Amino acid sequence: MEISARNVFKGKVKSIKYGQILAELVIELPGGLEITSLITRTSADRMKLVVGKSISTIIKASNVMVATD
């Protein structure tokens, strides 16, 4: 698969929590950092996601917000 996005991180599925419509994935990156992502349950099923599966996380955002106390 070729993709134009620059923010591609390889990791492994650490956990999956299924809801009626969405699946919450926790992806563990090398070094122990984690990314949490919500995808449709249909997509999770189609990709046959299971804990321990190697996947790529692709981040495409038009903006990032930062806040302080």
PDB file of N, CA and C in Angstrom:
ATOM      1  N   MET A   1       0.848  -1.171   0.000  1.00  0.00           N
ATOM      2  CA  MET A   1       0.000   0.000   0.000  1.00  0.00           C
ATOM      3  C   MET A   1       0.895   1.236   0.000  1.00  0.00           C
ATOM      4  N   GLU A   2       0.653   2.121  -0.913  1.00  0.00           N
ATOM      5  CA  GLU A   2       1.335   3.411  -0.961  1.00  0.00           C
ATOM      6  C   GLU A   2       0.354   4.474  -0.504  1.00  0.00           C
ATOM      7  N   ILE A   3       0.837   5.430   0.307  1.00  0.00           N
ATOM      8  CA  ILE A   3      -0.031   6.492   0.816  1.00  0.00           C
ATOM      9  C   ILE A   3       0.783   7.786   0.904  1.00  0.00           C
ATOM     10  N   SER A   4       0.113   8.914   0.672  1.00  0.00           N
ATOM     11  CA  SER A   4       0.825  10.193   0.663  1.00  0.00           C
ATOM     12  C   SER A   4       1.011  10.790   2.051  1.00  0.00           C
ATOM     13  N   ALA A   5       0.294  10.307   3.047  1.00  0.00           N
ATOM     14  CA  ALA A   5       0.395  10.873   4.398  1.00  0.00           C
ATOM     15  C   ALA A   5       1.800  10.667   4.955  1.00  0.00           C
ATOM     16  N   ARG A   6       2.283  11.648   5.692  1.00  0.00           N
ATOM     17  CA  ARG A   6       3.619  11.563   6.290  1.00  0.00           C
ATOM     18  C   ARG A   6       3.587  11.008   7.705  1.00  0.00           C
ATOM     19  N   ASN A   7       2.448  11.112   8.369  1.00  0.00           N
ATOM     20  CA  ASN A   7       2.347  10.684   9.758  1.00  0.00           C
ATOM     21  C   ASN A   7       1.822   9.253   9.843  1.00  0.00           C
ATOM     22  N   VAL A   8       2.697   8.320   9.535  1.00  0.00           N
ATOM     23  CA  VAL A   8       2.354   6.901   9.569  1.00  0.00           C
ATOM     24  C   VAL A   8       3.195   6.248  10.661  1.00  0.00           C
ATOM     25  N   PHE A   9       2.520   5.594  11.600  1.00  0.00           N
ATOM     26  CA  PHE A   9       3.194   4.950  12.719  1.00  0.00           C
ATOM     27  C   PHE A   9       2.820   3.475  12.750  1.00  0.00           C
ATOM     28  N   LYS A  10       3.822   2.612  12.754  1.00  0.00           N
ATOM     29  CA  LYS A  10       3.572   1.180  12.843  1.00  0.00           C
ATOM     30  C   LYS A  10       3.494   0.781  14.306  1.00  0.00           C
ATOM     31  N   GLY A  11       2.559  -0.096  14.613  1.00  0.00           N
ATOM     32  CA  GLY A  11       2.385  -0.554  15.979  1.00  0.00           C
ATOM     33  C   GLY A  11       1.603  -1.846  16.018  1.00  0.00           C
ATOM     34  N   LYS A  12       1.149  -2.207  17.213  1.00  0.00           N
ATOM     35  CA  LYS A  12       0.357  -3.420  17.402  1.00  0.00           C
ATOM     36  C   LYS A  12      -0.891  -3.083  18.198  1.00  0.00           C
ATOM     37  N   VAL A  13      -1.976  -3.781  17.887  1.00  0.00           N
ATOM     38  CA  VAL A  13      -3.218  -3.589  18.619  1.00  0.00           C
ATOM     39  C   VAL A  13      -3.010  -4.085  20.047  1.00  0.00           C
ATOM     40  N   LYS A  14      -3.199  -3.182  21.013  1.00  0.00           N
ATOM     41  CA  LYS A  14      -3.042  -3.537  22.428  1.00  0.00           C
ATOM     42  C   LYS A  14      -4.377  -3.967  23.028  1.00  0.00           C
ATOM     43  N   SER A  15      -5.447  -3.257  22.653  1.00  0.00           N
ATOM     44  CA  SER A  15      -6.769  -3.637  23.144  1.00  0.00           C
ATOM     45  C   SER A  15      -7.839  -3.139  22.190  1.00  0.00           C
ATOM     46  N   ILE A  16      -8.994  -3.804  22.259  1.00  0.00           N
ATOM     47  CA  ILE A  16     -10.162  -3.416  21.462  1.00  0.00           C
ATOM     48  C   ILE A  16     -11.379  -3.479  22.376  1.00  0.00           C
ATOM     49  N   LYS A  17     -12.154  -2.377  22.391  1.00  0.00           N
ATOM     50  CA  LYS A  17     -13.429  -2.354  23.112  1.00  0.00           C
ATOM     51  C   LYS A  17     -14.519  -2.127  22.070  1.00  0.00           C
ATOM     52  N   TYR A  18     -15.411  -3.090  21.937  1.00  0.00           N
ATOM     53  CA  TYR A  18     -16.475  -2.998  20.946  1.00  0.00           C
ATOM     54  C   TYR A  18     -17.736  -2.392  21.544  1.00  0.00           C
ATOM     55  N   GLY A  19     -18.313  -1.427  20.835  1.00  0.00           N
ATOM     56  CA  GLY A  19     -19.624  -0.900  21.139  1.00  0.00           C
ATOM     57  C   GLY A  19     -20.575  -1.377  20.052  1.00  0.00           C
ATOM     58  N   GLN A  20     -21.783  -0.859  20.049  1.00  0.00           N
ATOM     59  CA  GLN A  20     -22.738  -1.265  19.020  1.00  0.00           C
ATOM     60  C   GLN A  20     -22.318  -0.799  17.632  1.00  0.00           C
ATOM     61  N   ILE A  21     -21.753   0.403  17.556  1.00  0.00           N
ATOM     62  CA  ILE A  21     -21.394   0.980  16.262  1.00  0.00           C
ATOM     63  C   ILE A  21     -19.893   1.170  16.109  1.00  0.00           C
ATOM     64  N   LEU A  22     -19.200   1.538  17.195  1.00  0.00           N
ATOM     65  CA  LEU A  22     -17.773   1.857  17.132  1.00  0.00           C
ATOM     66  C   LEU A  22     -16.919   0.823  17.848  1.00  0.00           C
ATOM     67  N   ALA A  23     -15.656   0.810  17.478  1.00  0.00           N
ATOM     68  CA  ALA A  23     -14.648   0.016  18.182  1.00  0.00           C
ATOM     69  C   ALA A  23     -13.550   0.983  18.606  1.00  0.00           C
ATOM     70  N   GLU A  24     -13.161   0.921  19.881  1.00  0.00           N
ATOM     71  CA  GLU A  24     -12.076   1.755  20.396  1.00  0.00           C
ATOM     72  C   GLU A  24     -10.817   0.912  20.420  1.00  0.00           C
ATOM     73  N   LEU A  25      -9.823   1.335  19.660  1.00  0.00           N
ATOM     74  CA  LEU A  25      -8.554   0.618  19.574  1.00  0.00           C
ATOM     75  C   LEU A  25      -7.489   1.360  20.360  1.00  0.00           C
ATOM     76  N   VAL A  26      -6.686   0.630  21.087  1.00  0.00           N
ATOM     77  CA  VAL A  26      -5.466   1.183  21.657  1.00  0.00           C
ATOM     78  C   VAL A  26      -4.333   0.512  20.902  1.00  0.00           C
ATOM     79  N   ILE A  27      -3.507   1.338  20.256  1.00  0.00           N
ATOM     80  CA  ILE A  27      -2.384   0.844  19.457  1.00  0.00           C
ATOM     81  C   ILE A  27      -1.101   1.196  20.182  1.00  0.00           C
ATOM     82  N   GLU A  28      -0.271   0.198  20.427  1.00  0.00           N
ATOM     83  CA  GLU A  28       1.005   0.429  21.106  1.00  0.00           C
ATOM     84  C   GLU A  28       2.103   0.573  20.061  1.00  0.00           C
ATOM     85  N   LEU A  29       2.822   1.684  20.144  1.00  0.00           N
ATOM     86  CA  LEU A  29       3.920   1.966  19.226  1.00  0.00           C
ATOM     87  C   LEU A  29       5.230   1.473  19.836  1.00  0.00           C
ATOM     88  N   PRO A  30       6.259   1.282  19.010  1.00  0.00           N
ATOM     89  CA  PRO A  30       7.563   0.933  19.575  1.00  0.00           C
ATOM     90  C   PRO A  30       7.977   1.989  20.601  1.00  0.00           C
ATOM     91  N   GLY A  31       8.516   1.560  21.717  1.00  0.00           N
ATOM     92  CA  GLY A  31       8.895   2.485  22.769  1.00  0.00           C
ATOM     93  C   GLY A  31       7.809   2.647  23.825  1.00  0.00           C
ATOM     94  N   GLY A  32       6.628   2.060  23.587  1.00  0.00           N
ATOM     95  CA  GLY A  32       5.585   2.061  24.589  1.00  0.00           C
ATOM     96  C   GLY A  32       4.529   3.145  24.487  1.00  0.00           C
ATOM     97  N   LEU A  33       4.706   4.118  23.594  1.00  0.00           N
ATOM     98  CA  LEU A  33       3.668   5.134  23.422  1.00  0.00           C
ATOM     99  C   LEU A  33       2.405   4.487  22.873  1.00  0.00           C
ATOM    100  N   GLU A  34       1.234   5.051  23.222  1.00  0.00           N
ATOM    101  CA  GLU A  34      -0.033   4.497  22.775  1.00  0.00           C
ATOM    102  C   GLU A  34      -0.857   5.548  22.046  1.00  0.00           C
ATOM    103  N   ILE A  35      -1.582   5.104  21.045  1.00  0.00           N
ATOM    104  CA  ILE A  35      -2.539   5.936  20.321  1.00  0.00           C
ATOM    105  C   ILE A  35      -3.892   5.259  20.453  1.00  0.00           C
ATOM    106  N   THR A  36      -4.921   6.039  20.775  1.00  0.00           N
ATOM    107  CA  THR A  36      -6.279   5.518  20.845  1.00  0.00           C
ATOM    108  C   THR A  36      -7.055   6.024  19.636  1.00  0.00           C
ATOM    109  N   SER A  37      -7.780   5.128  19.004  1.00  0.00           N
ATOM    110  CA  SER A  37      -8.531   5.480  17.807  1.00  0.00           C
ATOM    111  C   SER A  37      -9.924   4.879  17.867  1.00  0.00           C
ATOM    112  N   LEU A  38     -10.908   5.637  17.411  1.00  0.00           N
ATOM    113  CA  LEU A  38     -12.267   5.125  17.251  1.00  0.00           C
ATOM    114  C   LEU A  38     -12.515   4.883  15.776  1.00  0.00           C
ATOM    115  N   ILE A  39     -12.908   3.657  15.445  1.00  0.00           N
ATOM    116  CA  ILE A  39     -13.269   3.319  14.068  1.00  0.00           C
ATOM    117  C   ILE A  39     -14.614   2.594  14.125  1.00  0.00           C
ATOM    118  N   THR A  40     -15.247   2.442  12.990  1.00  0.00           N
ATOM    119  CA  THR A  40     -16.515   1.715  12.997  1.00  0.00           C
ATOM    120  C   THR A  40     -16.255   0.241  13.297  1.00  0.00           C
ATOM    121  N   ARG A  41     -17.229  -0.369  13.927  1.00  0.00           N
ATOM    122  CA  ARG A  41     -17.137  -1.802  14.224  1.00  0.00           C
ATOM    123  C   ARG A  41     -17.054  -2.591  12.918  1.00  0.00           C
ATOM    124  N   THR A  42     -17.767  -2.117  11.893  1.00  0.00           N
ATOM    125  CA  THR A  42     -17.729  -2.767  10.582  1.00  0.00           C
ATOM    126  C   THR A  42     -16.309  -2.784  10.030  1.00  0.00           C
ATOM    127  N   SER A  43     -15.583  -1.670  10.166  1.00  0.00           N
ATOM    128  CA  SER A  43     -14.197  -1.608   9.680  1.00  0.00           C
ATOM    129  C   SER A  43     -13.299  -2.545  10.473  1.00  0.00           C
ATOM    130  N   ALA A  44     -13.472  -2.579  11.790  1.00  0.00           N
ATOM    131  CA  ALA A  44     -12.662  -3.474  12.625  1.00  0.00           C
ATOM    132  C   ALA A  44     -12.888  -4.927  12.238  1.00  0.00           C
ATOM    133  N   ASP A  45     -14.150  -5.290  11.991  1.00  0.00           N
ATOM    134  CA  ASP A  45     -14.462  -6.657  11.583  1.00  0.00           C
ATOM    135  C   ASP A  45     -13.884  -6.963  10.203  1.00  0.00           C
ATOM    136  N   ARG A  46     -14.029  -6.014   9.266  1.00  0.00           N
ATOM    137  CA  ARG A  46     -13.530  -6.215   7.894  1.00  0.00           C
ATOM    138  C   ARG A  46     -12.014  -6.410   7.871  1.00  0.00           C
ATOM    139  N   MET A  47     -11.294  -5.669   8.758  1.00  0.00           N
ATOM    140  CA  MET A  47      -9.834  -5.779   8.822  1.00  0.00           C
ATOM    141  C   MET A  47      -9.373  -6.932   9.713  1.00  0.00           C
ATOM    142  N   LYS A  48     -10.349  -7.634  10.320  1.00  0.00           N
ATOM    143  CA  LYS A  48     -10.035  -8.775  11.183  1.00  0.00           C
ATOM    144  C   LYS A  48      -9.037  -8.387  12.280  1.00  0.00           C
ATOM    145  N   LEU A  49      -9.318  -7.256  12.941  1.00  0.00           N
ATOM    146  CA  LEU A  49      -8.419  -6.771  13.985  1.00  0.00           C
ATOM    147  C   LEU A  49      -8.529  -7.639  15.231  1.00  0.00           C
ATOM    148  N   VAL A  50      -7.392  -8.006  15.768  1.00  0.00           N
ATOM    149  CA  VAL A  50      -7.305  -8.758  17.021  1.00  0.00           C
ATOM    150  C   VAL A  50      -6.120  -8.208  17.805  1.00  0.00           C
ATOM    151  N   VAL A  51      -6.146  -8.409  19.118  1.00  0.00           N
ATOM    152  CA  VAL A  51      -5.035  -7.975  19.959  1.00  0.00           C
ATOM    153  C   VAL A  51      -3.753  -8.644  19.466  1.00  0.00           C
ATOM    154  N   GLY A  52      -2.691  -7.841  19.340  1.00  0.00           N
ATOM    155  CA  GLY A  52      -1.400  -8.337  18.889  1.00  0.00           C
ATOM    156  C   GLY A  52      -1.146  -8.180  17.399  1.00  0.00           C
ATOM    157  N   LYS A  53      -2.180  -7.863  16.617  1.00  0.00           N
ATOM    158  CA  LYS A  53      -2.009  -7.706  15.176  1.00  0.00           C
ATOM    159  C   LYS A  53      -1.206  -6.444  14.865  1.00  0.00           C
ATOM    160  N   SER A  54      -0.249  -6.559  13.958  1.00  0.00           N
ATOM    161  CA  SER A  54       0.532  -5.403  13.509  1.00  0.00           C
ATOM    162  C   SER A  54      -0.306  -4.572  12.550  1.00  0.00           C
ATOM    163  N   ILE A  55      -0.330  -3.262  12.806  1.00  0.00           N
ATOM    164  CA  ILE A  55      -1.099  -2.357  11.951  1.00  0.00           C
ATOM    165  C   ILE A  55      -0.330  -1.048  11.786  1.00  0.00           C
ATOM    166  N   SER A  56      -0.768  -0.253  10.825  1.00  0.00           N
ATOM    167  CA  SER A  56      -0.239   1.094  10.648  1.00  0.00           C
ATOM    168  C   SER A  56      -1.301   2.088  11.087  1.00  0.00           C
ATOM    169  N   THR A  57      -0.886   3.100  11.824  1.00  0.00           N
ATOM    170  CA  THR A  57      -1.766   4.187  12.245  1.00  0.00           C
ATOM    171  C   THR A  57      -1.406   5.398  11.403  1.00  0.00           C
ATOM    172  N   ILE A  58      -2.387   5.939  10.714  1.00  0.00           N
ATOM    173  CA  ILE A  58      -2.160   7.075   9.824  1.00  0.00           C
ATOM    174  C   ILE A  58      -2.938   8.262  10.386  1.00  0.00           C
ATOM    175  N   ILE A  59      -2.226   9.345  10.667  1.00  0.00           N
ATOM    176  CA  ILE A  59      -2.858  10.528  11.251  1.00  0.00           C
ATOM    177  C   ILE A  59      -2.891  11.632  10.212  1.00  0.00           C
ATOM    178  N   LYS A  60      -4.089  12.107   9.914  1.00  0.00           N
ATOM    179  CA  LYS A  60      -4.278  13.218   8.991  1.00  0.00           C
ATOM    180  C   LYS A  60      -5.194  14.207   9.679  1.00  0.00           C
ATOM    181  N   ALA A  61      -4.656  15.328  10.076  1.00  0.00           N
ATOM    182  CA  ALA A  61      -5.453  16.327  10.794  1.00  0.00           C
ATOM    183  C   ALA A  61      -5.219  17.696  10.197  1.00  0.00           C
ATOM    184  N   SER A  62      -6.286  18.454  10.089  1.00  0.00           N
ATOM    185  CA  SER A  62      -6.131  19.813   9.563  1.00  0.00           C
ATOM    186  C   SER A  62      -5.668  20.786  10.622  1.00  0.00           C
ATOM    187  N   ASN A  63      -5.851  20.420  11.915  1.00  0.00           N
ATOM    188  CA  ASN A  63      -5.339  21.270  12.995  1.00  0.00           C
ATOM    189  C   ASN A  63      -5.173  20.434  14.262  1.00  0.00           C
ATOM    190  N   VAL A  64      -4.346  20.933  15.152  1.00  0.00           N
ATOM    191  CA  VAL A  64      -4.119  20.319  16.449  1.00  0.00           C
ATOM    192  C   VAL A  64      -4.295  21.406  17.490  1.00  0.00           C
ATOM    193  N   MET A  65      -5.121  21.125  18.516  1.00  0.00           N
ATOM    194  CA  MET A  65      -5.361  22.112  19.569  1.00  0.00           C
ATOM    195  C   MET A  65      -4.501  21.816  20.785  1.00  0.00           C
ATOM    196  N   VAL A  66      -4.046  22.865  21.440  1.00  0.00           N
ATOM    197  CA  VAL A  66      -3.237  22.762  22.640  1.00  0.00           C
ATOM    198  C   VAL A  66      -3.848  23.675  23.688  1.00  0.00           C
ATOM    199  N   ALA A  67      -3.864  23.254  24.960  1.00  0.00           N
ATOM    200  CA  ALA A  67      -4.429  24.080  26.018  1.00  0.00           C
ATOM    201  C   ALA A  67      -3.551  23.990  27.260  1.00  0.00           C
ATOM    202  N   THR A  68      -3.634  25.015  28.094  1.00  0.00           N
ATOM    203  CA  THR A  68      -2.960  25.013  29.397  1.00  0.00           C
ATOM    204  C   THR A  68      -3.981  25.377  30.460  1.00  0.00           C
ATOM    205  N   ASP A  69      -3.628  25.119  31.716  1.00  0.00           N
ATOM    206  CA  ASP A  69      -4.522  25.472  32.838  1.00  0.00           C
ATOM    207  C   ASP A  69      -4.511  26.962  33.076  1.00  0.00           C
TER     208      ASP A  69
END
